[in-house]
Protein backbone atom coordinates (compact mmCIF):
# COMPACT_ATOMS: atom_id res chain seq x y z
CA MET A 1 -61.67 -46.83 4.37
CA LYS A 2 -58.65 -46.04 3.43
CA ASN A 3 -55.75 -48.96 3.28
CA PRO A 4 -53.30 -47.50 6.90
CA LYS A 5 -50.24 -48.98 5.15
CA PHE A 6 -50.77 -47.30 2.27
CA ASN A 7 -50.96 -43.39 4.02
CA VAL A 8 -48.26 -44.66 5.95
CA LEU A 9 -45.95 -45.51 2.66
CA LEU A 10 -47.60 -41.79 1.07
CA TYR A 11 -46.19 -40.04 3.67
CA ALA A 12 -42.65 -41.47 4.18
CA LEU A 13 -42.77 -40.82 -0.02
CA THR A 14 -44.15 -37.64 0.42
CA CYS A 15 -40.63 -36.94 3.16
CA VAL A 16 -38.41 -38.46 0.80
CA LEU A 17 -39.68 -36.70 -2.12
CA LEU A 18 -39.62 -32.78 -0.05
CA ALA A 19 -36.21 -34.09 1.36
CA GLY A 20 -34.89 -34.72 -1.58
CA CYS A 21 -35.73 -31.25 -2.86
CA ALA A 22 -34.89 -29.55 -0.16
CA THR A 23 -31.05 -31.15 -1.07
CA LYS A 24 -31.27 -30.05 -3.90
CA GLN A 25 -32.21 -26.40 -3.49
CA THR A 26 -29.14 -26.39 -0.80
CA ALA A 27 -26.47 -27.52 -3.33
CA ILE A 28 -27.49 -25.25 -5.76
CA LYS A 29 -27.29 -22.48 -2.99
CA SER A 30 -24.07 -23.94 -2.16
CA GLN A 31 -22.86 -24.21 -5.73
CA ASN A 32 -23.90 -20.56 -6.49
CA LYS A 33 -21.86 -19.12 -3.66
CA SER A 34 -19.08 -20.83 -4.38
CA PHE A 35 -18.64 -20.19 -7.87
CA ALA A 36 -16.46 -17.22 -8.45
CA LYS A 37 -17.71 -14.38 -10.16
CA GLY A 38 -15.71 -11.48 -10.22
CA ALA A 39 -13.32 -8.82 -11.44
CA ASP A 40 -9.79 -7.48 -11.40
CA VAL A 41 -10.39 -3.29 -10.62
CA SER A 42 -6.38 -2.83 -9.93
CA TRP A 43 -7.16 0.21 -11.57
CA LEU A 44 -10.16 1.49 -9.47
CA PRO A 45 -8.69 3.66 -6.81
CA GLN A 46 -6.53 5.28 -9.59
CA MET A 47 -9.79 6.48 -11.11
CA GLU A 48 -11.41 7.47 -8.00
CA ALA A 49 -8.63 9.65 -7.15
CA SER A 50 -9.00 11.53 -10.37
CA GLY A 51 -12.69 12.30 -10.01
CA TYR A 52 -14.11 9.52 -12.10
CA LYS A 53 -17.84 9.02 -11.17
CA PHE A 54 -19.60 5.74 -11.28
CA TYR A 55 -23.27 5.38 -12.61
CA ASN A 56 -25.42 2.21 -11.70
CA ASP A 57 -27.67 0.61 -14.22
CA ASN A 58 -30.54 3.00 -13.34
CA GLY A 59 -27.44 6.37 -13.72
CA VAL A 60 -27.64 6.60 -9.69
CA GLU A 61 -24.15 7.81 -8.68
CA GLU A 62 -22.99 4.82 -6.53
CA ASP A 63 -19.65 2.98 -5.30
CA CYS A 64 -17.99 0.90 -8.23
CA LEU A 65 -17.89 -2.31 -5.74
CA LYS A 66 -21.75 -2.10 -5.19
CA ILE A 67 -22.37 -1.71 -8.92
CA LEU A 68 -20.29 -5.12 -9.35
CA LYS A 69 -22.32 -6.74 -6.31
CA ASP A 70 -25.63 -6.17 -7.57
CA HIS A 71 -24.45 -7.59 -10.93
CA SER A 72 -23.72 -10.62 -9.09
CA MET A 73 -20.03 -10.14 -8.43
CA ASN A 74 -18.47 -11.60 -5.62
CA THR A 75 -14.77 -11.44 -5.90
CA ILE A 76 -12.13 -9.12 -6.38
CA ARG A 77 -8.60 -9.55 -7.89
CA LEU A 78 -5.76 -7.23 -7.31
CA ARG A 79 -2.32 -7.16 -9.04
CA THR A 80 0.54 -5.87 -6.77
CA TRP A 81 3.93 -4.64 -7.91
CA VAL A 82 7.46 -4.10 -5.79
CA ASN A 83 8.20 -0.75 -6.38
CA PRO A 84 5.58 0.79 -8.74
CA SER A 85 5.73 4.76 -10.15
CA ASN A 86 2.55 6.69 -9.39
CA ASP A 87 1.65 6.38 -13.03
CA ARG A 88 -1.79 6.62 -13.10
CA ALA A 89 -2.19 3.31 -15.92
CA SER A 90 0.92 1.91 -15.47
CA GLY A 91 1.80 2.66 -11.56
CA HIS A 92 0.15 2.29 -7.85
CA CYS A 93 -0.60 -1.22 -6.95
CA SER A 94 1.92 -0.85 -4.39
CA LYS A 95 1.88 -3.35 -1.30
CA ASP A 96 0.01 -0.57 0.90
CA GLU A 97 -2.34 0.30 -1.70
CA THR A 98 -3.33 -3.78 -2.65
CA VAL A 99 -3.78 -3.94 1.54
CA GLN A 100 -5.90 -1.06 1.77
CA MET A 101 -8.36 -2.06 -1.35
CA ALA A 102 -8.16 -5.94 -0.15
CA LEU A 103 -9.38 -4.81 2.74
CA ARG A 104 -12.25 -2.50 1.58
CA ALA A 105 -13.22 -5.25 -0.96
CA LYS A 106 -13.10 -7.25 2.03
CA LYS A 107 -15.59 -5.08 3.80
CA ALA A 108 -17.88 -4.80 1.22
CA GLY A 109 -18.27 -8.80 1.65
CA MET A 110 -16.21 -9.50 -1.94
CA ARG A 111 -13.96 -12.52 -1.62
CA VAL A 112 -10.18 -11.31 -2.98
CA MET A 113 -7.66 -12.93 -5.18
CA ILE A 114 -4.16 -11.22 -5.33
CA ASP A 115 -1.80 -11.09 -8.07
CA PHE A 116 1.64 -10.85 -7.87
CA HIS A 117 3.94 -9.78 -11.24
CA TYR A 118 6.75 -9.66 -9.02
CA SER A 119 7.65 -6.73 -11.56
CA ASP A 120 7.28 -2.99 -10.79
CA SER A 121 5.09 -2.50 -13.38
CA TRP A 122 3.08 -4.76 -16.16
CA ALA A 123 4.15 -8.32 -16.42
CA ASP A 124 2.72 -10.36 -18.74
CA PRO A 125 3.67 -12.91 -22.29
CA GLY A 126 5.67 -9.74 -23.63
CA LYS A 127 7.70 -8.64 -20.95
CA GLN A 128 8.69 -10.43 -17.16
CA LYS A 129 10.92 -7.62 -16.26
CA LYS A 130 12.17 -8.17 -12.84
CA PRO A 131 11.87 -5.89 -9.61
CA ALA A 132 14.98 -2.57 -10.50
CA ALA A 133 15.63 -3.67 -6.35
CA TRP A 134 16.59 -6.75 -7.51
CA GLU A 135 18.86 -6.04 -10.56
CA GLY A 136 22.04 -7.54 -9.98
CA HIS A 137 21.50 -10.63 -7.60
CA ASP A 138 22.53 -14.10 -7.82
CA PHE A 139 19.95 -16.21 -8.27
CA LYS A 140 20.18 -17.45 -4.62
CA GLN A 141 19.50 -14.16 -3.73
CA LEU A 142 16.18 -13.99 -6.17
CA LEU A 143 15.14 -16.97 -4.42
CA GLU A 144 15.22 -14.63 -0.84
CA ASP A 145 13.75 -12.10 -2.78
CA VAL A 146 10.84 -13.67 -3.89
CA TYR A 147 10.50 -15.56 -0.57
CA SER A 148 10.56 -12.48 1.37
CA TYR A 149 8.65 -10.17 -0.38
CA THR A 150 5.65 -12.38 -0.82
CA PHE A 151 5.99 -13.40 2.80
CA ASP A 152 5.52 -9.50 3.46
CA VAL A 153 2.92 -8.10 1.31
CA MET A 154 1.23 -11.75 2.56
CA SER A 155 1.25 -10.71 6.82
CA ALA A 156 0.41 -7.02 5.41
CA LEU A 157 -2.68 -8.65 4.30
CA LYS A 158 -3.18 -10.76 7.30
CA ALA A 159 -2.65 -8.36 9.90
CA ALA A 160 -5.35 -5.83 8.17
CA GLY A 161 -7.47 -9.24 8.47
CA VAL A 162 -7.34 -10.10 4.82
CA GLU A 163 -6.80 -13.94 3.92
CA PRO A 164 -7.21 -14.04 0.24
CA GLU A 165 -8.74 -17.09 -0.65
CA TRP A 166 -6.54 -17.25 -4.18
CA VAL A 167 -3.22 -15.75 -4.56
CA GLN A 168 -0.66 -16.14 -8.45
CA VAL A 169 2.40 -16.51 -8.42
CA GLY A 170 3.09 -15.01 -11.50
CA ASN A 171 0.69 -13.18 -14.14
CA GLU A 172 0.54 -14.71 -17.48
CA THR A 173 4.05 -16.16 -17.46
CA PRO A 174 3.87 -18.63 -20.82
CA GLY A 175 7.58 -17.96 -20.76
CA GLY A 176 8.38 -17.74 -17.22
CA MET A 177 8.61 -14.68 -14.94
CA ILE A 178 11.54 -12.92 -13.52
CA TYR A 179 13.26 -12.52 -16.82
CA PRO A 180 16.21 -14.11 -17.43
CA GLU A 181 17.03 -16.32 -14.25
CA GLY A 182 12.88 -17.66 -14.47
CA SER A 183 12.74 -18.09 -18.16
CA THR A 184 10.79 -21.44 -19.14
CA ALA A 185 14.21 -21.79 -21.03
CA ASN A 186 16.12 -22.80 -17.63
CA TRP A 187 13.14 -24.69 -16.06
CA PRO A 188 14.35 -25.94 -12.82
CA GLN A 189 14.79 -22.40 -11.70
CA LEU A 190 11.72 -21.09 -12.75
CA ALA A 191 10.22 -23.98 -10.56
CA GLN A 192 12.58 -23.15 -7.79
CA LEU A 193 11.33 -19.26 -8.25
CA ILE A 194 7.31 -20.71 -8.13
CA ASN A 195 8.39 -22.84 -5.11
CA LYS A 196 9.62 -19.93 -3.13
CA GLY A 197 6.47 -17.90 -3.90
CA TYR A 198 3.95 -21.07 -2.90
CA ASP A 199 5.81 -21.85 0.45
CA ALA A 200 6.07 -17.87 1.52
CA ILE A 201 1.82 -17.82 0.35
CA LYS A 202 1.37 -21.14 2.51
CA ALA A 203 3.54 -19.69 5.71
CA VAL A 204 1.09 -16.93 6.12
CA SER A 205 -2.30 -18.22 5.04
CA LYS A 206 -2.34 -21.64 4.64
CA ASN A 207 -5.53 -22.05 3.42
CA SER A 208 -4.98 -19.44 0.25
CA LYS A 209 -4.78 -21.25 -3.11
CA VAL A 210 -2.17 -20.55 -5.29
CA ILE A 211 -2.56 -20.09 -9.16
CA LEU A 212 -0.32 -20.71 -11.36
CA HIS A 213 -1.50 -18.58 -14.59
CA VAL A 214 -0.72 -18.55 -18.42
CA ASP A 215 -2.51 -16.80 -21.15
CA GLN A 216 -4.59 -18.19 -24.38
CA GLY A 217 -6.97 -20.49 -21.98
CA ASN A 218 -8.29 -21.92 -25.81
CA ASN A 219 -4.57 -23.32 -26.69
CA ASN A 220 -4.24 -26.61 -25.39
CA GLU A 221 -1.07 -27.86 -26.69
CA ARG A 222 0.44 -24.42 -24.96
CA PHE A 223 -0.92 -25.26 -21.65
CA ARG A 224 0.01 -29.08 -22.02
CA ASN A 225 3.82 -27.97 -22.76
CA TRP A 226 3.49 -25.42 -19.77
CA PHE A 227 2.29 -27.54 -17.15
CA ASP A 228 4.02 -30.57 -18.28
CA HIS A 229 7.31 -28.74 -17.86
CA ALA A 230 6.00 -27.34 -14.32
CA LYS A 231 4.93 -30.88 -13.01
CA ALA A 232 8.13 -32.52 -14.23
CA ASN A 233 10.28 -29.86 -12.35
CA GLY A 234 8.07 -30.21 -8.96
CA ALA A 235 6.44 -26.81 -8.90
CA LYS A 236 3.82 -26.19 -6.55
CA TYR A 237 0.49 -24.93 -7.22
CA ASP A 238 -3.29 -25.39 -6.67
CA VAL A 239 -5.33 -24.04 -9.42
CA ILE A 240 -4.30 -23.68 -13.02
CA GLY A 241 -5.60 -19.70 -14.28
CA LEU A 242 -6.18 -19.38 -17.67
CA SER A 243 -6.81 -16.09 -19.38
CA TYR A 244 -9.14 -16.19 -22.65
CA TYR A 245 -9.17 -12.98 -24.70
CA PRO A 246 -10.29 -13.68 -27.91
CA TYR A 247 -9.61 -10.15 -29.20
CA TRP A 248 -5.92 -10.98 -28.63
CA LEU A 249 -5.93 -14.09 -30.63
CA GLU A 250 -4.82 -14.11 -34.60
CA GLY A 251 -6.73 -12.45 -36.51
CA ASN A 252 -9.19 -11.38 -33.67
CA PRO A 253 -11.82 -14.19 -34.29
CA ASP A 254 -15.02 -14.42 -33.09
CA TYR A 255 -15.70 -16.58 -29.56
CA THR A 256 -17.46 -18.59 -31.59
CA LEU A 257 -14.95 -20.07 -33.08
CA SER A 258 -12.65 -20.88 -29.88
CA ILE A 259 -14.70 -21.20 -26.81
CA ASN A 260 -15.36 -24.74 -27.61
CA ASP A 261 -11.79 -25.04 -27.39
CA LEU A 262 -11.45 -23.01 -24.05
CA GLY A 263 -14.19 -25.77 -22.91
CA ASN A 264 -12.02 -28.65 -23.94
CA ASN A 265 -8.65 -27.11 -22.27
CA LEU A 266 -10.39 -26.76 -19.19
CA LEU A 267 -11.43 -30.54 -19.19
CA ASP A 268 -8.07 -31.57 -20.25
CA MET A 269 -6.45 -29.11 -17.88
CA ALA A 270 -8.48 -30.74 -14.79
CA SER A 271 -7.87 -34.17 -15.99
CA ARG A 272 -4.48 -34.22 -16.81
CA TYR A 273 -3.08 -33.15 -13.50
CA GLY A 274 -5.82 -33.32 -11.11
CA LYS A 275 -5.99 -29.58 -10.21
CA GLU A 276 -8.95 -27.15 -10.05
CA VAL A 277 -9.20 -24.32 -13.04
CA MET A 278 -10.42 -20.94 -13.21
CA VAL A 279 -10.68 -17.84 -15.67
CA VAL A 280 -8.95 -15.43 -14.01
CA GLU A 281 -8.90 -13.10 -17.12
CA VAL A 282 -11.70 -12.98 -19.43
CA GLY A 283 -12.62 -9.43 -21.99
CA GLY A 284 -13.91 -8.15 -24.83
CA GLU A 285 -14.35 -4.94 -26.90
CA ASP A 286 -16.86 -2.44 -24.88
CA ASN A 287 -18.70 -1.61 -27.81
CA LYS A 288 -19.74 -5.22 -28.91
CA ALA A 289 -21.64 -5.31 -25.31
CA GLN A 290 -24.15 -7.88 -26.99
CA ASN A 291 -21.39 -10.26 -28.43
CA ILE A 292 -19.58 -9.91 -25.26
CA TYR A 293 -22.49 -10.59 -22.84
CA ASP A 294 -22.97 -13.64 -24.99
CA MET A 295 -18.85 -14.34 -24.75
CA LEU A 296 -19.41 -14.03 -20.96
CA THR A 297 -22.38 -16.48 -20.70
CA ALA A 298 -20.82 -18.94 -22.36
CA VAL A 299 -17.78 -19.18 -20.73
CA GLN A 300 -19.25 -19.72 -17.54
CA GLU A 301 -20.97 -22.24 -18.93
CA LYS A 302 -17.71 -24.07 -19.98
CA VAL A 303 -16.01 -23.29 -16.60
CA ARG A 304 -19.17 -24.95 -14.85
CA ALA A 305 -19.49 -27.90 -17.14
CA VAL A 306 -15.54 -28.81 -15.17
CA PRO A 307 -16.43 -32.33 -13.50
CA ASP A 308 -16.74 -32.51 -9.63
CA GLY A 309 -16.62 -28.82 -8.90
CA LYS A 310 -13.50 -28.49 -9.84
CA GLY A 311 -14.26 -25.26 -12.30
CA LEU A 312 -13.66 -22.24 -10.10
CA GLY A 313 -14.91 -19.50 -11.26
CA VAL A 314 -14.70 -16.72 -13.97
CA LEU A 315 -13.38 -12.87 -13.61
CA TYR A 316 -13.30 -9.78 -16.05
CA TRP A 317 -10.33 -8.06 -16.38
CA GLU A 318 -10.73 -4.42 -15.47
CA PRO A 319 -14.55 -4.01 -16.32
CA GLU A 320 -15.08 -0.73 -14.79
CA GLY A 321 -11.80 0.83 -16.45
CA ALA A 322 -13.51 2.23 -19.03
CA ARG A 323 -12.14 3.54 -22.32
CA SER A 324 -12.48 7.29 -21.68
CA TRP A 325 -10.07 7.38 -18.97
CA SER A 326 -7.66 3.93 -19.60
CA LYS A 327 -7.97 4.30 -23.19
CA TYR A 328 -8.30 0.41 -23.05
CA GLY A 329 -10.91 -0.65 -25.37
CA LEU A 330 -11.82 -4.38 -23.36
CA SER A 331 -13.88 -2.24 -20.33
CA ALA A 332 -17.42 -3.30 -19.99
CA TRP A 333 -17.94 -0.05 -19.09
CA GLY A 334 -19.73 2.82 -21.19
CA ASP A 335 -19.12 6.69 -22.17
CA ASP A 336 -21.75 7.32 -19.80
CA GLY A 337 -19.81 6.05 -16.73
CA LYS A 338 -22.19 2.95 -16.54
CA PRO A 339 -22.02 -0.88 -16.93
CA THR A 340 -22.30 -2.26 -20.54
CA LYS A 341 -24.93 -5.00 -20.90
CA ALA A 342 -21.90 -7.32 -21.39
CA LEU A 343 -21.35 -7.63 -16.96
CA LYS A 344 -25.60 -8.71 -17.07
CA ALA A 345 -24.14 -12.01 -18.26
CA PHE A 346 -22.86 -12.67 -14.54
CA ILE A 347 -26.46 -12.08 -13.17
CA SER A 348 -28.09 -14.39 -15.54
CA LYS A 349 -25.48 -17.32 -14.84
C-alpha cells in the first residue's frame, strides 16, 4: 500500500516543478519579446519610389517590412532631418516623411525609434552641420530651435498615433552636435542643447526613452571620456547608444579582434553609469554574408549578456539598402533583391 503522505508530497513537488517551468518559459518569452532586433530603413521609401523591388528568401516579391519581420526583426529606426533636399540617398527624411514611415512601421506591428540628426542631411563623427534655417542664431535661440523643432516632430508623431519607444538626441556625436556651438569643446553648451531635446521629447511622450549615441562601440576610453563629461555637465538621457562597425576601424580588422572589447564596453557603460545600453547601428560588408552572420550573432550575445536586462537590443543600419541602389557596401541585401544570409542571425538568436 502506498503511503498517502508520499503521494501528497509527490503531487506538491510536481506542481512546483511545473510552475517553475511555466515561469521560466514565460520569462524567456518576455525576454525575447522585449529584446529589440531591428533596422534603420530610412532609405526604404525612396527605394520603393524609384521602383526597387524586394524579394523574400524564396524569391517572391514582398513588402520589405514583412521580410524583415520574417527575419525576427521587431524594431524600425528612422532618421529625421530638418529641411532636407530631394536627393534620393542624402535627402528626404523630413518630418512628414518620418511620420508617414513611423505610422507604417507601427501598423506592421513594429516598435519605433526616431533619430534626430539636428541637420538638413547627414550628421556623424565627420560632420555635424547645423540646419541652414538655424544659421546666424545666437546660442539662446539655438536652444529654442532644438526644443521647438523636437517638440513639433514628436507632436506630429503622437497626433498620428505613434509614440516612439526610443528617441535619439543627436546621431553619432563623439565631437558633439550642431557645430560649432554644440561641440565637445564647449560641454556646458552641448549639455544644454541635449537637455532641450530631452525635455521636448518627454513633454510630448514621457515614456519614450532618450538615447545619446556615440560611434566605435568597442572603444571604452572614447565612451568613458564622453559620458563622464555628459554626467559632469548634467546631460539628461536614459540609454547609451553605440555604433559597431569593424569595417570602419583602422585597418578594417575582422570583428573577432574587437568583439570582446564591445562586450566589455557594454558591461562597463551599464555598470559605470547605471544606464541601459543598445547597439543602435551595426553593419558589415554585403559580400561577406557568413562573416557578418557570425558577427551579428556575437553582437547579440554580447548585448544579451549585460546584467539585469540592461542590454536592450541590436539594430542593423540600412540592411535593405542594396549596393546596386545606394552604392553602400555594408547592407545585407544581395544583387538578386533578396536579403543575404547575414540577416538570418536575427532569427537564430
